Protein backbone atom coordinates (compact mmCIF):
# COMPACT_ATOMS: atom_id res chain seq x y z
CA ALA A 1 -183.91 -45.92 4.37
CA GLN A 2 -185.16 -44.92 7.82
CA MET A 3 -181.94 -46.11 9.46
CA ARG A 4 -179.87 -44.18 6.93
CA PHE A 5 -181.96 -41.07 7.53
CA VAL A 6 -181.46 -41.31 11.30
CA SER A 7 -177.73 -41.89 10.78
CA ASP A 8 -177.45 -38.87 8.49
CA ALA A 9 -179.42 -36.69 10.91
CA SER A 10 -177.16 -37.72 13.78
CA HIS A 11 -174.10 -36.90 11.70
CA GLU A 12 -175.48 -33.45 10.82
CA LEU A 13 -176.17 -32.65 14.48
CA ARG A 14 -172.78 -33.93 15.65
CA THR A 15 -170.80 -31.12 14.03
CA PRO A 16 -172.62 -28.11 15.52
CA ILE A 17 -172.71 -29.83 18.91
CA ALA A 18 -168.93 -30.36 18.74
CA VAL A 19 -168.37 -26.72 17.79
CA ILE A 20 -170.53 -25.49 20.68
CA GLN A 21 -168.71 -27.77 23.11
CA GLY A 22 -165.35 -26.58 21.82
CA TYR A 23 -166.16 -22.91 22.26
CA ALA A 24 -167.74 -23.56 25.67
CA ASN A 25 -164.48 -25.19 26.78
CA LEU A 26 -162.55 -22.26 25.34
CA LEU A 27 -164.64 -19.84 27.38
CA ASN A 28 -164.18 -21.94 30.49
CA ARG A 29 -160.39 -22.07 30.16
CA TRP A 30 -159.40 -18.52 29.32
CA GLY A 31 -162.16 -16.75 27.39
CA LYS A 32 -163.92 -15.33 30.45
CA ASP A 33 -161.24 -12.66 30.89
CA ASP A 34 -160.54 -11.97 27.20
CA PRO A 35 -163.25 -9.81 25.57
CA ALA A 36 -162.21 -10.74 22.01
CA THR A 37 -162.19 -14.48 22.70
CA ARG A 38 -165.44 -14.21 24.62
CA GLN A 39 -167.20 -12.43 21.75
CA GLU A 40 -165.84 -14.91 19.20
CA ALA A 41 -167.17 -17.80 21.26
CA ILE A 42 -170.56 -16.16 21.75
CA ASP A 43 -170.94 -15.49 18.01
CA ALA A 44 -169.92 -19.03 17.10
CA ILE A 45 -172.22 -20.63 19.67
CA ARG A 46 -175.18 -18.54 18.52
CA ALA A 47 -174.52 -19.37 14.86
CA GLU A 48 -174.27 -23.09 15.53
CA ALA A 49 -177.38 -23.03 17.71
CA ASP A 50 -179.28 -21.34 14.87
CA SER A 51 -178.05 -24.02 12.47
CA MET A 52 -179.20 -26.77 14.82
CA LYS A 53 -182.60 -25.10 15.22
CA GLU A 54 -183.04 -24.95 11.43
CA LEU A 55 -181.99 -28.56 11.02
CA VAL A 56 -184.34 -29.83 13.75
CA GLU A 57 -187.26 -27.86 12.28
CA GLN A 58 -186.59 -29.35 8.86
CA LEU A 59 -186.31 -32.86 10.29
CA LEU A 60 -189.63 -32.42 12.10
CA PHE A 61 -191.25 -31.14 8.91
CA LEU A 62 -190.17 -34.21 6.97
CA ALA A 63 -191.11 -36.52 9.84
CA ARG A 64 -194.65 -35.11 9.90
CA GLY A 65 -194.84 -35.70 6.17
CA ASP A 66 -193.60 -39.26 6.51
CA ASN A 67 -196.34 -40.20 8.96
CA ASP A 68 -199.08 -38.27 7.10
CA SER A 69 -199.76 -35.98 10.06
CA MET A 70 -199.14 -32.71 8.20
CA HIS A 71 -202.13 -30.36 7.96
CA ILE A 72 -202.61 -28.68 4.59
CA GLN A 73 -204.87 -25.66 4.16
CA MET A 74 -205.85 -25.54 0.49
CA GLU A 75 -207.20 -22.25 -0.81
CA MET A 76 -207.33 -20.16 -3.95
CA PHE A 77 -204.74 -17.38 -4.28
CA ASP A 78 -202.61 -15.52 -6.80
CA LEU A 79 -199.24 -17.22 -7.20
CA THR A 80 -197.75 -14.00 -8.58
CA GLU A 81 -198.58 -12.10 -5.39
CA VAL A 82 -196.87 -14.73 -3.22
CA ALA A 83 -193.80 -14.76 -5.49
CA ALA A 84 -193.65 -10.95 -5.40
CA GLU A 85 -193.74 -11.02 -1.59
CA VAL A 86 -190.83 -13.47 -1.44
CA LEU A 87 -188.89 -11.39 -3.97
CA LYS A 88 -189.40 -8.21 -1.93
CA GLU A 89 -188.31 -9.95 1.27
CA THR A 90 -185.21 -11.33 -0.43
CA GLU A 91 -184.17 -7.97 -1.89
CA MET A 92 -184.32 -6.46 1.60
CA ILE A 93 -182.06 -9.16 3.03
CA ASP A 94 -179.58 -9.69 0.18
CA GLN A 95 -177.87 -6.78 -1.53
CA THR A 96 -175.11 -8.84 -3.14
CA HIS A 97 -177.15 -10.30 -6.00
CA THR A 98 -179.33 -8.88 -8.75
CA PHE A 99 -182.95 -9.99 -8.64
CA ALA A 100 -185.41 -9.92 -11.51
CA ALA A 101 -189.08 -10.84 -11.96
CA ARG A 102 -191.05 -12.20 -14.87
CA TRP A 103 -194.71 -11.90 -14.05
CA GLU A 104 -197.49 -12.76 -16.51
CA GLY A 105 -200.32 -11.19 -14.56
CA ALA A 106 -202.47 -13.03 -12.06
CA VAL A 107 -201.77 -16.77 -11.73
CA PRO A 108 -204.66 -18.44 -9.87
CA VAL A 109 -203.77 -21.60 -8.02
CA ARG A 110 -205.33 -23.76 -5.33
CA ALA A 111 -202.69 -24.68 -2.79
CA ASP A 112 -201.43 -24.10 0.75
CA VAL A 113 -200.11 -20.53 0.85
CA GLY A 114 -197.65 -21.14 3.68
CA LEU A 115 -196.14 -24.27 2.14
CA THR A 116 -195.95 -22.65 -1.29
CA LYS A 117 -194.10 -19.68 0.16
CA GLN A 118 -191.80 -22.00 2.12
CA ALA A 119 -190.89 -23.94 -1.04
CA LEU A 120 -190.18 -20.74 -2.96
CA ARG A 121 -188.02 -19.35 -0.17
CA ILE A 122 -185.96 -22.54 -0.16
CA LEU A 123 -185.46 -22.36 -3.93
CA VAL A 124 -184.42 -18.70 -3.77
CA ASP A 125 -182.12 -19.32 -0.81
CA ASN A 126 -180.51 -22.20 -2.69
CA ALA A 127 -179.98 -20.01 -5.74
CA ILE A 128 -178.34 -17.35 -3.58
CA LYS A 129 -175.99 -19.83 -1.91
CA TYR A 130 -174.62 -21.14 -5.18
CA THR A 131 -174.56 -17.93 -7.21
CA ALA A 132 -171.54 -15.66 -6.93
CA ALA A 133 -172.00 -12.06 -5.80
CA GLY A 134 -173.31 -9.92 -8.64
CA GLY A 135 -175.09 -12.85 -10.30
CA ARG A 136 -178.72 -12.61 -11.37
CA ILE A 137 -181.57 -14.60 -9.87
CA THR A 138 -184.92 -14.51 -11.66
CA LEU A 139 -188.32 -15.44 -10.28
CA SER A 140 -191.08 -16.27 -12.76
CA ALA A 141 -194.78 -16.97 -12.41
CA GLY A 142 -197.19 -17.70 -15.22
CA VAL A 143 -199.80 -19.99 -16.70
CA LYS A 144 -199.29 -22.45 -19.53
CA ASP A 145 -201.89 -24.89 -20.82
CA GLY A 146 -204.01 -24.14 -17.79
CA PHE A 147 -201.26 -25.01 -15.30
CA ALA A 148 -199.75 -22.57 -12.82
CA ARG A 149 -195.96 -22.46 -13.10
CA LEU A 150 -193.43 -21.02 -10.68
CA SER A 151 -189.70 -21.03 -11.37
CA VAL A 152 -186.39 -19.79 -9.98
CA GLN A 153 -183.46 -19.31 -12.35
CA ASP A 154 -179.91 -18.54 -11.25
CA GLU A 155 -176.51 -17.89 -12.74
CA GLY A 156 -174.76 -20.17 -10.27
CA GLN A 157 -172.20 -22.93 -10.60
CA GLY A 158 -174.70 -25.38 -12.05
CA ILE A 159 -175.13 -29.07 -11.28
CA ASP A 160 -173.15 -31.85 -12.93
CA ALA A 161 -174.95 -34.67 -14.70
CA GLU A 162 -173.94 -37.22 -12.07
CA SER A 163 -175.57 -35.22 -9.28
CA LEU A 164 -178.79 -34.27 -11.06
CA PRO A 165 -180.75 -37.45 -10.17
CA HIS A 166 -179.92 -37.04 -6.48
CA ILE A 167 -180.34 -33.35 -5.62
CA PHE A 168 -183.81 -33.85 -4.15
CA ASP A 169 -182.57 -36.66 -1.89
CA ARG A 170 -182.33 -35.91 1.80
CA PHE A 171 -178.90 -34.72 2.95
CA TYR A 172 -177.49 -34.84 -0.58
CA ARG A 173 -175.12 -32.03 -1.52
CA THR A 174 -173.44 -31.54 -4.86
CA ASP A 175 -170.31 -30.10 -3.23
CA GLN A 176 -169.42 -31.47 0.19
CA SER A 177 -166.65 -28.91 0.60
CA ARG A 178 -169.25 -26.10 0.68
CA ASP A 179 -171.31 -27.56 3.53
CA ARG A 180 -170.10 -25.32 6.32
CA LYS A 181 -169.50 -22.31 4.10
CA THR A 182 -173.06 -22.14 2.78
CA GLY A 183 -174.70 -23.33 5.96
CA GLY A 184 -176.91 -25.78 4.10
CA THR A 185 -178.42 -28.82 5.78
CA GLY A 186 -178.99 -30.79 2.59
CA LEU A 187 -182.71 -30.97 3.39
CA GLY A 188 -184.04 -27.90 1.59
CA LEU A 189 -184.70 -29.44 -1.81
CA ALA A 190 -186.07 -32.59 -0.16
CA ILE A 191 -188.64 -30.37 1.54
CA VAL A 192 -189.48 -28.67 -1.78
CA LYS A 193 -190.01 -32.11 -3.32
CA HIS A 194 -192.27 -33.14 -0.47
CA ILE A 195 -194.33 -29.93 -0.70
CA ALA A 196 -194.74 -30.49 -4.42
CA MET A 197 -195.89 -34.08 -3.82
CA LEU A 198 -198.48 -32.89 -1.30
CA HIS A 199 -199.96 -30.65 -4.00
CA GLY A 200 -199.69 -33.11 -6.86
CA ALA A 201 -197.24 -30.70 -8.48
CA ARG A 202 -194.37 -31.55 -10.81
CA ILE A 203 -190.78 -30.35 -10.49
CA ASP A 204 -188.62 -29.80 -13.56
CA LEU A 205 -184.95 -28.97 -13.36
CA LYS A 206 -182.51 -27.76 -15.99
CA SER A 207 -178.88 -27.11 -15.18
CA GLN A 208 -175.57 -26.60 -16.90
CA VAL A 209 -172.24 -26.49 -15.11
CA GLY A 210 -170.82 -22.98 -15.16
CA THR A 211 -174.05 -21.45 -16.47
CA GLY A 212 -176.74 -21.92 -13.85
CA THR A 213 -179.85 -23.78 -12.80
CA THR A 214 -183.58 -23.38 -13.32
CA ILE A 215 -186.10 -25.18 -11.12
CA ARG A 216 -189.78 -25.01 -12.07
CA VAL A 217 -192.76 -26.16 -10.02
CA THR A 218 -195.93 -26.81 -12.02
CA PHE A 219 -199.18 -26.97 -10.07
CA PRO A 220 -202.31 -28.76 -11.27
CA ALA A 221 -204.83 -26.57 -13.05
CA ALA A 222 -206.88 -24.51 -10.59
CA PRO A 223 -210.57 -25.53 -10.62
CA ALA A 224 -212.86 -23.13 -12.37
CA ALA A 225 -214.99 -20.87 -10.21
CA PRO A 226 -218.56 -22.22 -9.82
CA ALA A 227 -221.14 -20.57 -12.04
CA ASP A 228 -223.75 -18.33 -10.42
CA ALA A 229 -226.98 -20.12 -9.71
C-alpha cells in the first residue's frame, strides 16, 4: 500500500511539473518578446505551482497521520458556528451556486476546531466541483440521539454504485476525465476520512446518479459539563 501511495503521488506530481517545464521552454524560445504568450505562460505556471503546493500539503497531512505525529487540540465549541463561518466564506468566493443552511440551534461538540473546519471545507469544495452552476448546496448541523451531526448535500452528478466503496481511498476519482478540469488531487475525501477517524466520528454517504450526494459526519456525544461543586 505504501509503494502504491508513493507511485500515485509521483504520478500526480509529474503532470504539473511537465506543464511548468513546457511553459518555461515556451518562454525561453519565443515568449520573452510576445506579451500574450508571456502572460499565458505566467498564468499557467502559477496555477500549476499552486496545484503542486496543495498536493504536497495534503500528502504531508496524510503522512503525519500515518506516523501518528499529528497534534490534535480537542476543545468544546459550537458546530453550528463553525459551519456558518465556512458557509459565509464560501458564499463570498463562489457566486455560481446557491447555498442554503439548516441549523438546529447550538450543536456542542468536543473536537479540534481547525481539523473540523478543514474537513467541512473539503466537503463543500467537493460539492461545488461536481455540482453544475445554479445548483444548490446545503449545509446542515444538528443533534440527534445526543450525537453532533454535520452534513453537506449537493445537487451534483452523483456517484455510481461501483465507485461508492472507493471514494474515500487516496487518489481515487469517480471521473478521471475531470481531473484537470476540477483541479482535484483525489486526496480530499481521504483527508476527511482521516480527520473523522481521529475524532472517532462516523461518515455516512448517500448518493444517486443524476440527483446528488449527501455526506454526513457524526461526532461522538459531547461530554456533559461537570456539575458545580
